[in-house]
Amino acid sequence: METLICQSCGWPFTLTTAGTNRDKSVNKDYCRDCFKDGTFIDKSLNLHQLEMKLLEMAKVHEDISLEEARQLIKKLPELKRWRMDHI
């Protein structure tokens, strides 16, 4: 099964955990935790808030270490949702 990287949170996901477009089709750019029905679930989320959220997840969940969260945070500005190339 193809593994994709969410262009919002940076987390790996598969087509079964992909977000959806307005027409309910699969969106290969975003996971279902970030994107549903063609819109971001947390529209007010900013990059700093996401960084803090990932660090908190690393403290609570065993599936990501603090170091993995830090590495993921470094890559966030490169993701589609956070790139500043549209300005």
PDB file of N, CA and C in Angstrom:
ATOM      1  N   MET A   1       0.840  -1.181   0.000  1.00  0.00           N
ATOM      2  CA  MET A   1       0.000   0.000   0.000  1.00  0.00           C
ATOM      3  C   MET A   1       0.885   1.244   0.000  1.00  0.00           C
ATOM      4  N   GLU A   2       0.506   2.208  -0.788  1.00  0.00           N
ATOM      5  CA  GLU A   2       1.270   3.446  -0.931  1.00  0.00           C
ATOM      6  C   GLU A   2       1.196   4.280   0.355  1.00  0.00           C
ATOM      7  N   THR A   3       2.352   4.736   0.813  1.00  0.00           N
ATOM      8  CA  THR A   3       2.412   5.622   1.967  1.00  0.00           C
ATOM      9  C   THR A   3       2.643   7.043   1.474  1.00  0.00           C
ATOM     10  N   LEU A   4       1.792   7.938   1.928  1.00  0.00           N
ATOM     11  CA  LEU A   4       1.869   9.349   1.557  1.00  0.00           C
ATOM     12  C   LEU A   4       2.246  10.165   2.791  1.00  0.00           C
ATOM     13  N   ILE A   5       2.648  11.402   2.589  1.00  0.00           N
ATOM     14  CA  ILE A   5       2.973  12.299   3.698  1.00  0.00           C
ATOM     15  C   ILE A   5       1.969  13.444   3.683  1.00  0.00           C
ATOM     16  N   CYS A   6       1.299  13.651   4.805  1.00  0.00           N
ATOM     17  CA  CYS A   6       0.320  14.733   4.890  1.00  0.00           C
ATOM     18  C   CYS A   6       1.025  16.072   4.703  1.00  0.00           C
ATOM     19  N   GLN A   7       0.504  16.883   3.813  1.00  0.00           N
ATOM     20  CA  GLN A   7       1.085  18.178   3.497  1.00  0.00           C
ATOM     21  C   GLN A   7       0.641  19.269   4.462  1.00  0.00           C
ATOM     22  N   SER A   8       0.043  18.851   5.582  1.00  0.00           N
ATOM     23  CA  SER A   8      -0.282  19.777   6.655  1.00  0.00           C
ATOM     24  C   SER A   8       0.505  19.415   7.917  1.00  0.00           C
ATOM     25  N   CYS A   9       0.334  18.168   8.395  1.00  0.00           N
ATOM     26  CA  CYS A   9       0.975  17.772   9.653  1.00  0.00           C
ATOM     27  C   CYS A   9       2.283  17.002   9.477  1.00  0.00           C
ATOM     28  N   GLY A  10       2.569  16.533   8.252  1.00  0.00           N
ATOM     29  CA  GLY A  10       3.800  15.813   7.993  1.00  0.00           C
ATOM     30  C   GLY A  10       3.761  14.343   8.366  1.00  0.00           C
ATOM     31  N   TRP A  11       2.631  13.876   8.861  1.00  0.00           N
ATOM     32  CA  TRP A  11       2.486  12.510   9.305  1.00  0.00           C
ATOM     33  C   TRP A  11       2.245  11.578   8.120  1.00  0.00           C
ATOM     34  N   PRO A  12       2.827  10.375   8.114  1.00  0.00           N
ATOM     35  CA  PRO A  12       2.562   9.414   7.039  1.00  0.00           C
ATOM     36  C   PRO A  12       1.114   8.917   7.104  1.00  0.00           C
ATOM     37  N   PHE A  13       0.522   8.674   5.935  1.00  0.00           N
ATOM     38  CA  PHE A  13      -0.829   8.116   5.881  1.00  0.00           C
ATOM     39  C   PHE A  13      -0.978   7.290   4.611  1.00  0.00           C
ATOM     40  N   THR A  14      -2.046   6.513   4.542  1.00  0.00           N
ATOM     41  CA  THR A  14      -2.344   5.698   3.363  1.00  0.00           C
ATOM     42  C   THR A  14      -3.661   6.167   2.763  1.00  0.00           C
ATOM     43  N   LEU A  15      -4.043   5.618   1.643  1.00  0.00           N
ATOM     44  CA  LEU A  15      -5.293   6.004   1.004  1.00  0.00           C
ATOM     45  C   LEU A  15      -6.501   5.722   1.893  1.00  0.00           C
ATOM     46  N   THR A  16      -6.389   4.743   2.774  1.00  0.00           N
ATOM     47  CA  THR A  16      -7.509   4.445   3.678  1.00  0.00           C
ATOM     48  C   THR A  16      -7.640   5.476   4.798  1.00  0.00           C
ATOM     49  N   THR A  17      -6.579   6.233   5.033  1.00  0.00           N
ATOM     50  CA  THR A  17      -6.635   7.277   6.072  1.00  0.00           C
ATOM     51  C   THR A  17      -6.462   8.670   5.470  1.00  0.00           C
ATOM     52  N   ALA A  18      -6.745   8.780   4.182  1.00  0.00           N
ATOM     53  CA  ALA A  18      -6.603  10.062   3.475  1.00  0.00           C
ATOM     54  C   ALA A  18      -7.798  10.969   3.753  1.00  0.00           C
ATOM     55  N   GLY A  19      -7.563  12.258   3.612  1.00  0.00           N
ATOM     56  CA  GLY A  19      -8.634  13.230   3.700  1.00  0.00           C
ATOM     57  C   GLY A  19      -9.540  13.135   2.478  1.00  0.00           C
ATOM     58  N   THR A  20     -10.606  13.919   2.490  1.00  0.00           N
ATOM     59  CA  THR A  20     -11.554  13.883   1.377  1.00  0.00           C
ATOM     60  C   THR A  20     -11.782  15.275   0.792  1.00  0.00           C
ATOM     61  N   ASN A  21     -12.078  15.292  -0.500  1.00  0.00           N
ATOM     62  CA  ASN A  21     -12.430  16.522  -1.199  1.00  0.00           C
ATOM     63  C   ASN A  21     -13.924  16.793  -1.020  1.00  0.00           C
ATOM     64  N   ARG A  22     -14.391  17.938  -1.518  1.00  0.00           N
ATOM     65  CA  ARG A  22     -15.821  18.274  -1.403  1.00  0.00           C
ATOM     66  C   ARG A  22     -16.724  17.205  -1.991  1.00  0.00           C
ATOM     67  N   ASP A  23     -16.282  16.596  -3.088  1.00  0.00           N
ATOM     68  CA  ASP A  23     -17.090  15.567  -3.753  1.00  0.00           C
ATOM     69  C   ASP A  23     -16.898  14.184  -3.136  1.00  0.00           C
ATOM     70  N   LYS A  24     -16.276  14.136  -1.962  1.00  0.00           N
ATOM     71  CA  LYS A  24     -16.015  12.910  -1.196  1.00  0.00           C
ATOM     72  C   LYS A  24     -14.924  12.022  -1.801  1.00  0.00           C
ATOM     73  N   SER A  25     -14.258  12.480  -2.855  1.00  0.00           N
ATOM     74  CA  SER A  25     -13.143  11.723  -3.416  1.00  0.00           C
ATOM     75  C   SER A  25     -11.939  11.836  -2.486  1.00  0.00           C
ATOM     76  N   VAL A  26     -10.994  10.922  -2.649  1.00  0.00           N
ATOM     77  CA  VAL A  26      -9.789  10.877  -1.820  1.00  0.00           C
ATOM     78  C   VAL A  26      -8.871  12.036  -2.174  1.00  0.00           C
ATOM     79  N   ASN A  27      -8.319  12.666  -1.148  1.00  0.00           N
ATOM     80  CA  ASN A  27      -7.328  13.720  -1.335  1.00  0.00           C
ATOM     81  C   ASN A  27      -5.978  13.141  -0.943  1.00  0.00           C
ATOM     82  N   LYS A  28      -5.069  13.039  -1.893  1.00  0.00           N
ATOM     83  CA  LYS A  28      -3.763  12.426  -1.639  1.00  0.00           C
ATOM     84  C   LYS A  28      -2.753  13.374  -0.991  1.00  0.00           C
ATOM     85  N   ASP A  29      -3.137  14.619  -0.761  1.00  0.00           N
ATOM     86  CA  ASP A  29      -2.218  15.569  -0.133  1.00  0.00           C
ATOM     87  C   ASP A  29      -2.339  15.613   1.388  1.00  0.00           C
ATOM     88  N   TYR A  30      -3.518  15.320   1.903  1.00  0.00           N
ATOM     89  CA  TYR A  30      -3.767  15.513   3.333  1.00  0.00           C
ATOM     90  C   TYR A  30      -4.420  14.293   3.980  1.00  0.00           C
ATOM     91  N   CYS A  31      -4.084  14.044   5.244  1.00  0.00           N
ATOM     92  CA  CYS A  31      -4.682  12.943   5.993  1.00  0.00           C
ATOM     93  C   CYS A  31      -6.066  13.347   6.500  1.00  0.00           C
ATOM     94  N   ARG A  32      -6.818  12.357   6.952  1.00  0.00           N
ATOM     95  CA  ARG A  32      -8.187  12.618   7.414  1.00  0.00           C
ATOM     96  C   ARG A  32      -8.227  13.386   8.726  1.00  0.00           C
ATOM     97  N   ASP A  33      -7.121  13.430   9.459  1.00  0.00           N
ATOM     98  CA  ASP A  33      -7.088  14.210  10.689  1.00  0.00           C
ATOM     99  C   ASP A  33      -6.924  15.701  10.418  1.00  0.00           C
ATOM    100  N   CYS A  34      -6.484  16.042   9.209  1.00  0.00           N
ATOM    101  CA  CYS A  34      -6.254  17.445   8.851  1.00  0.00           C
ATOM    102  C   CYS A  34      -7.261  18.000   7.846  1.00  0.00           C
ATOM    103  N   PHE A  35      -7.852  17.142   7.013  1.00  0.00           N
ATOM    104  CA  PHE A  35      -8.630  17.625   5.869  1.00  0.00           C
ATOM    105  C   PHE A  35      -9.866  16.756   5.657  1.00  0.00           C
ATOM    106  N   LYS A  36     -11.032  17.389   5.571  1.00  0.00           N
ATOM    107  CA  LYS A  36     -12.283  16.648   5.364  1.00  0.00           C
ATOM    108  C   LYS A  36     -13.238  17.498   4.535  1.00  0.00           C
ATOM    109  N   ASP A  37     -13.846  16.863   3.545  1.00  0.00           N
ATOM    110  CA  ASP A  37     -14.839  17.522   2.692  1.00  0.00           C
ATOM    111  C   ASP A  37     -14.312  18.798   2.036  1.00  0.00           C
ATOM    112  N   GLY A  38     -13.026  18.775   1.651  1.00  0.00           N
ATOM    113  CA  GLY A  38     -12.449  19.884   0.911  1.00  0.00           C
ATOM    114  C   GLY A  38     -11.978  21.061   1.732  1.00  0.00           C
ATOM    115  N   THR A  39     -11.889  20.893   3.040  1.00  0.00           N
ATOM    116  CA  THR A  39     -11.445  21.997   3.878  1.00  0.00           C
ATOM    117  C   THR A  39     -10.619  21.466   5.059  1.00  0.00           C
ATOM    118  N   PHE A  40      -9.771  22.307   5.596  1.00  0.00           N
ATOM    119  CA  PHE A  40      -8.982  21.917   6.754  1.00  0.00           C
ATOM    120  C   PHE A  40      -9.885  21.815   7.972  1.00  0.00           C
ATOM    121  N   ILE A  41      -9.671  20.802   8.781  1.00  0.00           N
ATOM    122  CA  ILE A  41     -10.484  20.585   9.975  1.00  0.00           C
ATOM    123  C   ILE A  41     -10.270  21.718  10.969  1.00  0.00           C
ATOM    124  N   ASP A  42      -9.033  22.085  11.198  1.00  0.00           N
ATOM    125  CA  ASP A  42      -8.722  23.205  12.102  1.00  0.00           C
ATOM    126  C   ASP A  42      -8.196  24.353  11.248  1.00  0.00           C
ATOM    127  N   LYS A  43      -9.116  25.175  10.774  1.00  0.00           N
ATOM    128  CA  LYS A  43      -8.762  26.265   9.856  1.00  0.00           C
ATOM    129  C   LYS A  43      -7.894  27.332  10.509  1.00  0.00           C
ATOM    130  N   SER A  44      -7.998  27.478  11.821  1.00  0.00           N
ATOM    131  CA  SER A  44      -7.241  28.530  12.500  1.00  0.00           C
ATOM    132  C   SER A  44      -5.860  28.073  12.955  1.00  0.00           C
ATOM    133  N   LEU A  45      -5.547  26.802  12.748  1.00  0.00           N
ATOM    134  CA  LEU A  45      -4.245  26.272  13.157  1.00  0.00           C
ATOM    135  C   LEU A  45      -3.117  27.015  12.445  1.00  0.00           C
ATOM    136  N   ASN A  46      -2.135  27.444  13.222  1.00  0.00           N
ATOM    137  CA  ASN A  46      -0.957  28.053  12.598  1.00  0.00           C
ATOM    138  C   ASN A  46       0.246  27.127  12.815  1.00  0.00           C
ATOM    139  N   LEU A  47       1.316  27.432  12.164  1.00  0.00           N
ATOM    140  CA  LEU A  47       2.497  26.568  12.194  1.00  0.00           C
ATOM    141  C   LEU A  47       3.040  26.385  13.612  1.00  0.00           C
ATOM    142  N   HIS A  48       3.088  27.429  14.383  1.00  0.00           N
ATOM    143  CA  HIS A  48       3.588  27.328  15.763  1.00  0.00           C
ATOM    144  C   HIS A  48       2.694  26.406  16.595  1.00  0.00           C
ATOM    145  N   GLN A  49       1.388  26.531  16.445  1.00  0.00           N
ATOM    146  CA  GLN A  49       0.465  25.668  17.189  1.00  0.00           C
ATOM    147  C   GLN A  49       0.664  24.207  16.800  1.00  0.00           C
ATOM    148  N   LEU A  50       0.885  23.951  15.532  1.00  0.00           N
ATOM    149  CA  LEU A  50       1.120  22.582  15.082  1.00  0.00           C
ATOM    150  C   LEU A  50       2.413  22.034  15.678  1.00  0.00           C
ATOM    151  N   GLU A  51       3.435  22.850  15.729  1.00  0.00           N
ATOM    152  CA  GLU A  51       4.699  22.429  16.330  1.00  0.00           C
ATOM    153  C   GLU A  51       4.489  22.020  17.791  1.00  0.00           C
ATOM    154  N   MET A  52       3.755  22.826  18.539  1.00  0.00           N
ATOM    155  CA  MET A  52       3.488  22.520  19.943  1.00  0.00           C
ATOM    156  C   MET A  52       2.657  21.235  20.073  1.00  0.00           C
ATOM    157  N   LYS A  53       1.706  21.065  19.179  1.00  0.00           N
ATOM    158  CA  LYS A  53       0.853  19.873  19.176  1.00  0.00           C
ATOM    159  C   LYS A  53       1.695  18.610  18.941  1.00  0.00           C
ATOM    160  N   LEU A  54       2.617  18.663  17.998  1.00  0.00           N
ATOM    161  CA  LEU A  54       3.475  17.515  17.715  1.00  0.00           C
ATOM    162  C   LEU A  54       4.384  17.182  18.896  1.00  0.00           C
ATOM    163  N   LEU A  55       4.907  18.199  19.563  1.00  0.00           N
ATOM    164  CA  LEU A  55       5.746  17.960  20.738  1.00  0.00           C
ATOM    165  C   LEU A  55       4.936  17.330  21.870  1.00  0.00           C
ATOM    166  N   GLU A  56       3.699  17.784  22.053  1.00  0.00           N
ATOM    167  CA  GLU A  56       2.821  17.199  23.068  1.00  0.00           C
ATOM    168  C   GLU A  56       2.502  15.741  22.739  1.00  0.00           C
ATOM    169  N   MET A  57       2.250  15.461  21.455  1.00  0.00           N
ATOM    170  CA  MET A  57       1.976  14.087  21.033  1.00  0.00           C
ATOM    171  C   MET A  57       3.154  13.185  21.364  1.00  0.00           C
ATOM    172  N   ALA A  58       4.360  13.677  21.169  1.00  0.00           N
ATOM    173  CA  ALA A  58       5.564  12.887  21.434  1.00  0.00           C
ATOM    174  C   ALA A  58       5.696  12.559  22.920  1.00  0.00           C
ATOM    175  N   LYS A  59       5.208  13.437  23.765  1.00  0.00           N
ATOM    176  CA  LYS A  59       5.275  13.199  25.210  1.00  0.00           C
ATOM    177  C   LYS A  59       4.260  12.146  25.651  1.00  0.00           C
ATOM    178  N   VAL A  60       3.147  12.042  24.925  1.00  0.00           N
ATOM    179  CA  VAL A  60       2.043  11.179  25.343  1.00  0.00           C
ATOM    180  C   VAL A  60       2.018   9.833  24.622  1.00  0.00           C
ATOM    181  N   HIS A  61       2.343   9.838  23.332  1.00  0.00           N
ATOM    182  CA  HIS A  61       2.221   8.629  22.518  1.00  0.00           C
ATOM    183  C   HIS A  61       3.569   7.942  22.336  1.00  0.00           C
ATOM    184  N   GLU A  62       3.520   6.637  22.352  1.00  0.00           N
ATOM    185  CA  GLU A  62       4.735   5.855  22.179  1.00  0.00           C
ATOM    186  C   GLU A  62       5.143   5.708  20.715  1.00  0.00           C
ATOM    187  N   ASP A  63       4.242   6.038  19.778  1.00  0.00           N
ATOM    188  CA  ASP A  63       4.551   5.830  18.361  1.00  0.00           C
ATOM    189  C   ASP A  63       5.411   6.937  17.755  1.00  0.00           C
ATOM    190  N   ILE A  64       5.722   7.976  18.522  1.00  0.00           N
ATOM    191  CA  ILE A  64       6.634   9.023  18.056  1.00  0.00           C
ATOM    192  C   ILE A  64       7.491   9.495  19.232  1.00  0.00           C
ATOM    193  N   SER A  65       8.780   9.550  18.998  1.00  0.00           N
ATOM    194  CA  SER A  65       9.693  10.018  20.047  1.00  0.00           C
ATOM    195  C   SER A  65       9.820  11.539  19.953  1.00  0.00           C
ATOM    196  N   LEU A  66      10.370  12.118  20.986  1.00  0.00           N
ATOM    197  CA  LEU A  66      10.601  13.566  21.000  1.00  0.00           C
ATOM    198  C   LEU A  66      11.540  13.964  19.868  1.00  0.00           C
ATOM    199  N   GLU A  67      12.560  13.160  19.627  1.00  0.00           N
ATOM    200  CA  GLU A  67      13.507  13.459  18.549  1.00  0.00           C
ATOM    201  C   GLU A  67      12.832  13.358  17.184  1.00  0.00           C
ATOM    202  N   GLU A  68      11.966  12.356  16.994  1.00  0.00           N
ATOM    203  CA  GLU A  68      11.225  12.233  15.728  1.00  0.00           C
ATOM    204  C   GLU A  68      10.313  13.443  15.526  1.00  0.00           C
ATOM    205  N   ALA A  69       9.689  13.890  16.587  1.00  0.00           N
ATOM    206  CA  ALA A  69       8.824  15.072  16.495  1.00  0.00           C
ATOM    207  C   ALA A  69       9.644  16.300  16.108  1.00  0.00           C
ATOM    208  N   ARG A  70      10.816  16.450  16.681  1.00  0.00           N
ATOM    209  CA  ARG A  70      11.680  17.594  16.346  1.00  0.00           C
ATOM    210  C   ARG A  70      12.098  17.555  14.874  1.00  0.00           C
ATOM    211  N   GLN A  71      12.416  16.363  14.373  1.00  0.00           N
ATOM    212  CA  GLN A  71      12.797  16.227  12.961  1.00  0.00           C
ATOM    213  C   GLN A  71      11.619  16.557  12.052  1.00  0.00           C
ATOM    214  N   LEU A  72      10.436  16.119  12.440  1.00  0.00           N
ATOM    215  CA  LEU A  72       9.225  16.407  11.680  1.00  0.00           C
ATOM    216  C   LEU A  72       8.947  17.908  11.652  1.00  0.00           C
ATOM    217  N   ILE A  73       9.118  18.561  12.771  1.00  0.00           N
ATOM    218  CA  ILE A  73       8.883  20.005  12.881  1.00  0.00           C
ATOM    219  C   ILE A  73       9.804  20.776  11.942  1.00  0.00           C
ATOM    220  N   LYS A  74      11.045  20.332  11.813  1.00  0.00           N
ATOM    221  CA  LYS A  74      11.985  21.009  10.912  1.00  0.00           C
ATOM    222  C   LYS A  74      11.499  20.985   9.464  1.00  0.00           C
ATOM    223  N   LYS A  75      10.753  19.945   9.092  1.00  0.00           N
ATOM    224  CA  LYS A  75      10.289  19.783   7.712  1.00  0.00           C
ATOM    225  C   LYS A  75       8.948  20.459   7.436  1.00  0.00           C
ATOM    226  N   LEU A  76       8.238  20.886   8.472  1.00  0.00           N
ATOM    227  CA  LEU A  76       6.902  21.463   8.275  1.00  0.00           C
ATOM    228  C   LEU A  76       6.866  22.636   7.294  1.00  0.00           C
ATOM    229  N   PRO A  77       7.812  23.587   7.350  1.00  0.00           N
ATOM    230  CA  PRO A  77       7.739  24.728   6.421  1.00  0.00           C
ATOM    231  C   PRO A  77       7.834  24.333   4.945  1.00  0.00           C
ATOM    232  N   GLU A  78       8.289  23.111   4.658  1.00  0.00           N
ATOM    233  CA  GLU A  78       8.397  22.642   3.284  1.00  0.00           C
ATOM    234  C   GLU A  78       7.085  22.058   2.757  1.00  0.00           C
ATOM    235  N   LEU A  79       6.135  21.802   3.656  1.00  0.00           N
ATOM    236  CA  LEU A  79       4.877  21.172   3.270  1.00  0.00           C
ATOM    237  C   LEU A  79       3.938  22.167   2.593  1.00  0.00           C
ATOM    238  N   LYS A  80       3.099  21.649   1.724  1.00  0.00           N
ATOM    239  CA  LYS A  80       2.218  22.466   0.895  1.00  0.00           C
ATOM    240  C   LYS A  80       1.403  23.492   1.693  1.00  0.00           C
ATOM    241  N   ARG A  81       0.830  23.094   2.810  1.00  0.00           N
ATOM    242  CA  ARG A  81      -0.004  24.022   3.586  1.00  0.00           C
ATOM    243  C   ARG A  81       0.789  25.190   4.144  1.00  0.00           C
ATOM    244  N   TRP A  82       2.058  24.987   4.459  1.00  0.00           N
ATOM    245  CA  TRP A  82       2.841  26.001   5.175  1.00  0.00           C
ATOM    246  C   TRP A  82       3.850  26.738   4.298  1.00  0.00           C
ATOM    247  N   ARG A  83       4.038  26.302   3.076  1.00  0.00           N
ATOM    248  CA  ARG A  83       4.993  27.011   2.201  1.00  0.00           C
ATOM    249  C   ARG A  83       4.504  28.433   1.953  1.00  0.00           C
ATOM    250  N   MET A  84       5.442  29.321   1.817  1.00  0.00           N
ATOM    251  CA  MET A  84       5.108  30.728   1.608  1.00  0.00           C
ATOM    252  C   MET A  84       5.304  31.134   0.137  1.00  0.00           C
ATOM    253  N   ASP A  85       5.339  30.167  -0.764  1.00  0.00           N
ATOM    254  CA  ASP A  85       5.604  30.502  -2.168  1.00  0.00           C
ATOM    255  C   ASP A  85       4.394  31.088  -2.893  1.00  0.00           C
ATOM    256  N   HIS A  86       3.238  31.125  -2.245  1.00  0.00           N
ATOM    257  CA  HIS A  86       2.052  31.709  -2.855  1.00  0.00           C
ATOM    258  C   HIS A  86       1.920  33.215  -2.595  1.00  0.00           C
ATOM    259  N   ILE A  87       2.867  33.758  -1.824  1.00  0.00           N
ATOM    260  CA  ILE A  87       2.817  35.201  -1.494  1.00  0.00           C
ATOM    261  C   ILE A  87       3.606  35.987  -2.522  1.00  0.00           C
TER     262      ILE A  87
END
